[in-house]
Amino acid sequence: MAEKHEEFRILMAGDNKTVLDMFFNNIKSFEVQTVSTRHEDIMCHLKYFHPDAFVYTVVNDSYNGIKKMPVAKQELKKQKVPFIFIGTAEECNRVDSMAPGVVDIYIQKPFTVEKIREKVEAIIHVHREEKEEEEREKAAAQAALEAENKKIEEEKAEAEPEEEEKNIVEDEDIGEIDIDELLKEVKAAKRKKHVLVVDDDPGMLKVIKAHLSEKYGVATAVSGKIALNFLEKKDTDLVLLDYMMPEMDGPAVLKEIRRNPKTKHLPTVFLTGVTDREKILELLSSEDRPQGYIIKPVEKDKLLASIKNLIG
């Protein structure tokens, strides 16, 4: 009985008919679709076909399509879809010089059907493991956030007085003193200012939380959606917001913050790796502008100084 292999979806681009026929006719464990090198076509197939790998192959001098691939590579990387190039050693070297860093793995001629199948399946498994590990880290960060929020709620509940009746005492100089109101004022004065940190990188969240936890209360969110949900239910004094995030980026989250009457005046600072001056100036002059930005990698002293200037 022939060995049964796990089925994978392969999205292919390029014009090498020999390689295309190998995938379509000889590797039964692959469900194959072809796509042009137009960015819109690739994005559409990624959205609806959900491939496990993207395979590119050329014949003779048809290299024009490879010049467009760095843009598509960003989405492939986000979805953990490996970029595979199949060709001769000369073709592989030429592609690597034209689009360095785009291809995840090269498969060079001469090759057999079985060699191609083994290499493609191996790189798919590697990327799947990376994606699963990233999802586990995000789930752990979210669980930690929920546990921290629950702890905050429990501490607030314990701090609230059980008796509804107010305690009133007399003072010869100032008259009646509301003890409960006085206690609330004291607690408010002692309360640490709170910061919500939003970043899709769990490692970055851990670093920033370690920098801030001594002086501030800190909550973390691994996505814009989670952050907005937090702000609907909880209060914070400042939001540190990652500029580049999948699904909902920093500017989109800030727009929602400004639209909500509850949070429209909430101080918000972008965390960004974007060092282009024009983009930053455009951001700071926009209608939904932040109160500032901090360039990654984040330096602890600069981070604390920026927050102190905004909320003390």
Protein backbone atom coordinates (compact mmCIF):
# COMPACT_ATOMS: atom_id res chain seq x y z
CA MET A 1 0.00 0.00 0.00
CA ALA A 2 1.36 3.43 -0.91
CA GLU A 3 2.26 5.79 1.92
CA LYS A 4 -0.49 8.33 2.55
CA HIS A 5 0.68 11.93 2.96
CA GLU A 6 -1.03 14.86 4.61
CA GLU A 7 -2.72 17.10 2.05
CA PHE A 8 -1.46 20.67 1.59
CA ARG A 9 -2.63 23.65 -0.45
CA ILE A 10 -0.01 25.07 -2.81
CA LEU A 11 -0.30 28.44 -4.57
CA MET A 12 2.00 28.65 -7.62
CA ALA A 13 3.23 31.53 -9.78
CA GLY A 14 5.61 31.50 -12.75
CA ASP A 15 5.73 29.96 -16.20
CA ASN A 16 7.87 26.82 -15.94
CA LYS A 17 5.38 24.28 -17.33
CA THR A 18 7.57 21.31 -16.39
CA VAL A 19 7.48 22.21 -12.70
CA LEU A 20 3.79 23.16 -12.86
CA ASP A 21 2.96 19.76 -14.35
CA MET A 22 4.92 18.01 -11.60
CA PHE A 23 2.81 19.72 -8.95
CA PHE A 24 -0.51 19.23 -10.73
CA ASN A 25 -0.05 15.67 -11.96
CA ASN A 26 2.57 13.90 -9.87
CA ILE A 27 2.17 15.07 -6.26
CA LYS A 28 -1.23 13.80 -5.18
CA SER A 29 -0.95 15.18 -1.66
CA PHE A 30 -0.93 18.77 -2.99
CA GLU A 31 -4.02 20.77 -3.91
CA VAL A 32 -2.59 23.26 -6.41
CA GLN A 33 -3.82 26.59 -7.74
CA THR A 34 -1.94 28.99 -10.02
CA VAL A 35 -1.92 32.76 -9.77
CA SER A 36 -0.47 35.68 -11.73
CA THR A 37 2.24 37.91 -10.27
CA ARG A 38 -0.22 40.82 -9.84
CA HIS A 39 -0.31 41.86 -6.20
CA GLU A 40 -4.12 42.02 -6.17
CA ASP A 41 -4.41 38.44 -7.50
CA ILE A 42 -1.99 37.08 -4.90
CA MET A 43 -3.79 38.88 -2.05
CA CYS A 44 -7.16 37.52 -3.25
CA HIS A 45 -5.85 33.94 -3.36
CA LEU A 46 -4.26 34.28 0.08
CA LYS A 47 -7.60 35.44 1.46
CA TYR A 48 -9.83 32.78 -0.09
CA PHE A 49 -7.57 29.82 -0.94
CA HIS A 50 -5.55 29.91 2.32
CA PRO A 51 -2.41 28.19 0.92
CA ASP A 52 0.12 26.33 3.04
CA ALA A 53 2.98 27.41 0.74
CA PHE A 54 3.67 29.81 -2.16
CA VAL A 55 5.85 28.33 -4.93
CA TYR A 56 7.51 30.47 -7.64
CA THR A 57 9.29 29.16 -10.70
CA VAL A 58 10.62 30.75 -13.90
CA VAL A 59 11.85 29.66 -17.28
CA ASN A 60 14.58 31.30 -19.36
CA ASP A 61 14.55 35.07 -18.67
CA SER A 62 11.02 35.64 -17.29
CA TYR A 63 12.12 37.37 -14.08
CA ASN A 64 9.91 40.46 -14.17
CA GLY A 65 7.41 38.96 -11.75
CA ILE A 66 10.02 38.39 -9.03
CA LYS A 67 10.55 42.16 -8.75
CA LYS A 68 6.97 42.49 -7.44
CA MET A 69 7.34 39.81 -4.79
CA PRO A 70 8.77 41.85 -1.85
CA VAL A 71 5.35 43.49 -1.39
CA ALA A 72 3.52 40.14 -1.39
CA LYS A 73 6.18 38.72 0.94
CA GLN A 74 4.93 40.96 3.77
CA GLU A 75 1.50 39.34 3.70
CA LEU A 76 2.98 35.86 3.26
CA LYS A 77 5.18 36.43 6.31
CA LYS A 78 2.20 37.69 8.33
CA GLN A 79 0.23 34.55 7.52
CA LYS A 80 3.26 32.26 8.07
CA VAL A 81 3.12 31.03 4.45
CA PRO A 82 6.60 30.01 3.21
CA PHE A 83 7.93 31.41 -0.09
CA ILE A 84 9.62 28.66 -2.12
CA PHE A 85 11.59 29.12 -5.36
CA ILE A 86 12.33 26.21 -7.70
CA GLY A 87 14.94 26.47 -10.45
CA THR A 88 18.53 25.92 -11.51
CA ALA A 89 21.43 27.11 -9.38
CA GLU A 90 21.89 30.06 -11.76
CA GLU A 91 18.19 30.96 -11.54
CA CYS A 92 18.23 30.73 -7.73
CA ASN A 93 21.29 32.99 -7.50
CA ARG A 94 19.74 35.53 -9.84
CA VAL A 95 16.48 35.65 -7.87
CA ASP A 96 18.39 36.01 -4.61
CA SER A 97 20.29 39.01 -6.01
CA MET A 98 17.12 40.63 -7.42
CA ALA A 99 14.95 40.11 -4.31
CA PRO A 100 17.20 39.34 -1.33
CA GLY A 101 15.43 37.95 1.71
CA VAL A 102 12.17 37.24 -0.11
CA VAL A 103 12.59 33.48 -0.67
CA ASP A 104 12.46 31.21 2.40
CA ILE A 105 13.88 28.14 0.68
CA TYR A 106 15.40 27.35 -2.74
CA ILE A 107 14.98 23.96 -4.43
CA GLN A 108 17.67 23.57 -7.11
CA LYS A 109 17.76 21.31 -10.15
CA PRO A 110 18.30 18.46 -10.64
CA PHE A 111 15.39 17.29 -8.50
CA THR A 112 12.82 14.53 -8.35
CA VAL A 113 9.13 14.67 -7.56
CA GLU A 114 9.79 13.04 -4.20
CA LYS A 115 12.55 15.52 -3.34
CA ILE A 116 10.24 18.46 -4.09
CA ARG A 117 7.43 16.94 -2.03
CA GLU A 118 9.70 16.29 0.97
CA LYS A 119 11.26 19.76 0.95
CA VAL A 120 7.94 21.59 0.52
CA GLU A 121 6.26 19.59 3.30
CA ALA A 122 9.24 20.14 5.60
CA ILE A 123 9.19 23.95 5.26
CA ILE A 124 5.39 23.98 5.69
CA HIS A 125 5.73 22.10 8.98
CA VAL A 126 8.40 24.52 10.21
CA HIS A 127 6.18 27.55 9.49
CA ARG A 128 3.17 25.85 11.07
CA GLU A 129 5.11 25.23 14.26
CA GLU A 130 6.18 28.91 14.33
CA LYS A 131 2.56 30.01 13.85
CA GLU A 132 1.31 27.68 16.59
CA GLU A 133 4.02 28.90 18.96
CA GLU A 134 3.08 32.54 18.25
CA GLU A 135 -0.60 31.74 18.88
CA ARG A 136 0.29 30.03 22.17
CA GLU A 137 2.27 33.09 23.27
CA LYS A 138 -0.62 35.40 22.39
CA ALA A 139 -3.08 33.16 24.22
CA ALA A 140 -0.80 33.13 27.28
CA ALA A 141 -0.47 36.94 27.16
CA GLN A 142 -4.25 37.30 26.89
CA ALA A 143 -4.79 34.87 29.79
CA ALA A 144 -2.30 36.86 31.88
CA LEU A 145 -4.13 40.09 31.00
CA GLU A 146 -7.49 38.61 32.02
CA ALA A 147 -6.01 37.29 35.27
CA GLU A 148 -4.51 40.70 36.02
CA ASN A 149 -7.81 42.45 35.30
CA LYS A 150 -9.64 40.00 37.57
CA LYS A 151 -7.12 40.66 40.33
CA ILE A 152 -7.62 44.43 39.94
CA GLU A 153 -11.39 43.98 40.23
CA GLU A 154 -11.01 41.83 43.35
CA GLU A 155 -8.70 44.39 44.95
CA LYS A 156 -11.16 47.18 44.16
CA ALA A 157 -14.01 45.17 45.65
CA GLU A 158 -12.03 44.56 48.85
CA ALA A 159 -11.12 48.24 49.12
CA GLU A 160 -14.74 49.47 48.91
CA PRO A 161 -16.47 49.99 52.29
CA GLU A 162 -19.27 47.50 53.00
CA GLU A 163 -21.44 49.98 54.88
CA GLU A 164 -23.42 52.38 52.73
CA GLU A 165 -24.07 54.77 55.60
CA LYS A 166 -21.63 57.67 55.64
CA ASN A 167 -19.60 58.41 58.71
CA ILE A 168 -19.82 62.08 59.67
CA VAL A 169 -17.74 63.77 62.39
CA GLU A 170 -17.74 67.36 63.63
CA ASP A 171 -14.77 69.71 63.50
CA GLU A 172 -14.90 73.05 65.23
CA ASP A 173 -13.13 74.88 62.37
CA ILE A 174 -14.44 73.21 59.20
CA GLY A 175 -17.75 71.73 60.33
CA GLU A 176 -18.85 68.33 59.04
CA ILE A 177 -16.24 65.97 57.49
CA ASP A 178 -17.38 63.11 55.26
CA ILE A 179 -14.99 60.31 56.29
CA ASP A 180 -15.87 58.10 53.29
CA GLU A 181 -15.16 60.94 50.84
CA LEU A 182 -11.92 61.73 52.62
CA LEU A 183 -10.83 58.08 52.38
CA LYS A 184 -11.61 58.07 48.67
CA GLU A 185 -9.47 61.16 48.16
CA VAL A 186 -6.58 59.58 50.05
CA LYS A 187 -6.84 56.36 48.03
CA ALA A 188 -6.96 58.31 44.78
CA ALA A 189 -3.84 60.23 45.77
CA LYS A 190 -2.01 56.99 46.56
CA ARG A 191 -3.21 55.10 43.47
CA LYS A 192 -0.60 54.42 40.86
CA LYS A 193 -1.28 55.94 37.49
CA HIS A 194 -2.26 53.25 35.00
CA VAL A 195 -0.87 52.48 31.52
CA LEU A 196 -2.34 50.20 28.84
CA VAL A 197 0.31 48.78 26.48
CA VAL A 198 -0.88 47.47 23.09
CA ASP A 199 1.50 45.43 20.89
CA ASP A 200 1.12 42.22 18.88
CA ASP A 201 4.60 41.10 20.04
CA PRO A 202 4.33 39.33 23.45
CA GLY A 203 8.07 39.80 23.98
CA MET A 204 7.75 43.58 23.59
CA LEU A 205 4.83 43.60 26.06
CA LYS A 206 6.97 41.79 28.65
CA VAL A 207 9.86 44.25 28.23
CA ILE A 208 7.68 47.36 28.55
CA LYS A 209 5.74 45.95 31.50
CA ALA A 210 9.03 45.25 33.29
CA HIS A 211 10.13 48.87 32.64
CA LEU A 212 6.88 50.37 34.01
CA SER A 213 5.55 48.06 36.73
CA GLU A 214 7.57 49.66 39.55
CA LYS A 215 6.03 53.11 39.03
CA TYR A 216 2.73 52.39 37.23
CA GLY A 217 -0.12 49.94 37.08
CA VAL A 218 0.19 48.14 33.74
CA ALA A 219 -2.25 46.20 31.57
CA THR A 220 -1.30 44.64 28.23
CA ALA A 221 -3.21 43.76 25.05
CA VAL A 222 -1.94 41.78 22.06
CA SER A 223 -4.32 43.36 19.54
CA GLY A 224 -6.26 46.56 18.88
CA LYS A 225 -9.59 44.74 19.33
CA ILE A 226 -8.61 43.52 22.81
CA ALA A 227 -7.40 47.01 23.74
CA LEU A 228 -10.70 48.67 22.71
CA ASN A 229 -12.64 46.03 24.65
CA PHE A 230 -10.49 46.79 27.70
CA LEU A 231 -11.13 50.54 27.40
CA GLU A 232 -14.89 49.95 27.27
CA LYS A 233 -14.79 48.22 30.65
CA LYS A 234 -11.77 49.68 32.46
CA ASP A 235 -10.06 53.01 33.01
CA THR A 236 -6.49 53.89 32.23
CA ASP A 237 -4.43 57.09 32.27
CA LEU A 238 -2.33 56.48 29.13
CA VAL A 239 -2.18 54.15 26.12
CA LEU A 240 1.12 53.03 24.57
CA LEU A 241 0.03 51.86 21.12
CA ASP A 242 2.04 49.87 18.56
CA TYR A 243 1.92 51.61 15.17
CA MET A 244 2.20 48.47 13.00
CA MET A 245 -0.16 45.59 13.91
CA PRO A 246 -2.02 42.98 11.83
CA GLU A 247 -5.80 43.25 11.28
CA MET A 248 -6.15 46.59 13.10
CA ASP A 249 -3.11 48.88 13.10
CA GLY A 250 -2.31 51.68 15.54
CA PRO A 251 -3.89 54.56 13.58
CA ALA A 252 -7.15 52.58 13.26
CA VAL A 253 -7.21 51.89 17.02
CA LEU A 254 -6.49 55.57 17.78
CA LYS A 255 -9.36 56.63 15.53
CA GLU A 256 -11.75 54.46 17.58
CA ILE A 257 -10.34 55.86 20.83
CA ARG A 258 -10.98 59.42 19.62
CA ARG A 259 -14.51 58.56 18.48
CA ASN A 260 -15.53 57.22 21.89
CA PRO A 261 -16.71 60.06 24.20
CA LYS A 262 -15.32 58.12 27.16
CA THR A 263 -11.77 57.96 25.76
CA LYS A 264 -11.52 60.78 23.22
CA HIS A 265 -9.18 62.81 25.45
CA LEU A 266 -7.13 59.80 26.60
CA PRO A 267 -3.38 60.47 26.14
CA THR A 268 -2.01 58.06 23.52
CA VAL A 269 1.60 57.53 22.44
CA PHE A 270 2.69 55.43 19.46
CA LEU A 271 5.39 52.78 19.73
CA THR A 272 6.92 52.62 16.28
CA GLY A 273 9.84 51.40 14.27
CA VAL A 274 8.93 53.90 11.57
CA THR A 275 11.76 56.43 11.39
CA ASP A 276 10.61 58.18 8.23
CA ARG A 277 10.26 61.84 9.22
CA GLU A 278 7.47 62.67 6.78
CA LYS A 279 5.26 59.82 7.99
CA ILE A 280 5.72 60.82 11.61
CA LEU A 281 4.99 64.48 10.90
CA GLU A 282 1.89 63.50 8.95
CA LEU A 283 0.78 61.36 11.87
CA LEU A 284 1.25 64.13 14.44
CA SER A 285 -0.64 66.64 12.31
CA SER A 286 -3.61 64.37 11.58
CA GLU A 287 -7.08 64.86 13.04
CA ASP A 288 -6.76 61.80 15.26
CA ARG A 289 -3.26 62.67 16.35
CA PRO A 290 -1.43 61.02 19.26
CA GLN A 291 0.34 62.90 22.06
CA GLY A 292 3.69 61.66 20.81
CA TYR A 293 5.69 58.65 19.65
CA ILE A 294 8.53 56.49 20.95
CA ILE A 295 10.93 54.76 18.54
CA LYS A 296 11.61 51.04 19.03
CA PRO A 297 13.67 49.49 20.50
CA VAL A 298 12.31 51.20 23.61
CA GLU A 299 14.83 52.66 26.06
CA LYS A 300 13.63 52.56 29.66
CA ASP A 301 14.74 56.06 30.67
CA LYS A 302 13.20 57.73 27.61
CA LEU A 303 10.02 55.74 28.07
CA LEU A 304 9.63 56.75 31.72
CA ALA A 305 10.43 60.38 30.93
CA SER A 306 7.82 60.51 28.17
CA ILE A 307 5.13 59.01 30.40
CA LYS A 308 6.04 61.29 33.30
CA ASN A 309 5.68 64.36 31.09
CA LEU A 310 2.16 63.29 30.13
CA ILE A 311 0.61 61.85 33.31
CA GLY A 312 3.15 62.42 36.08
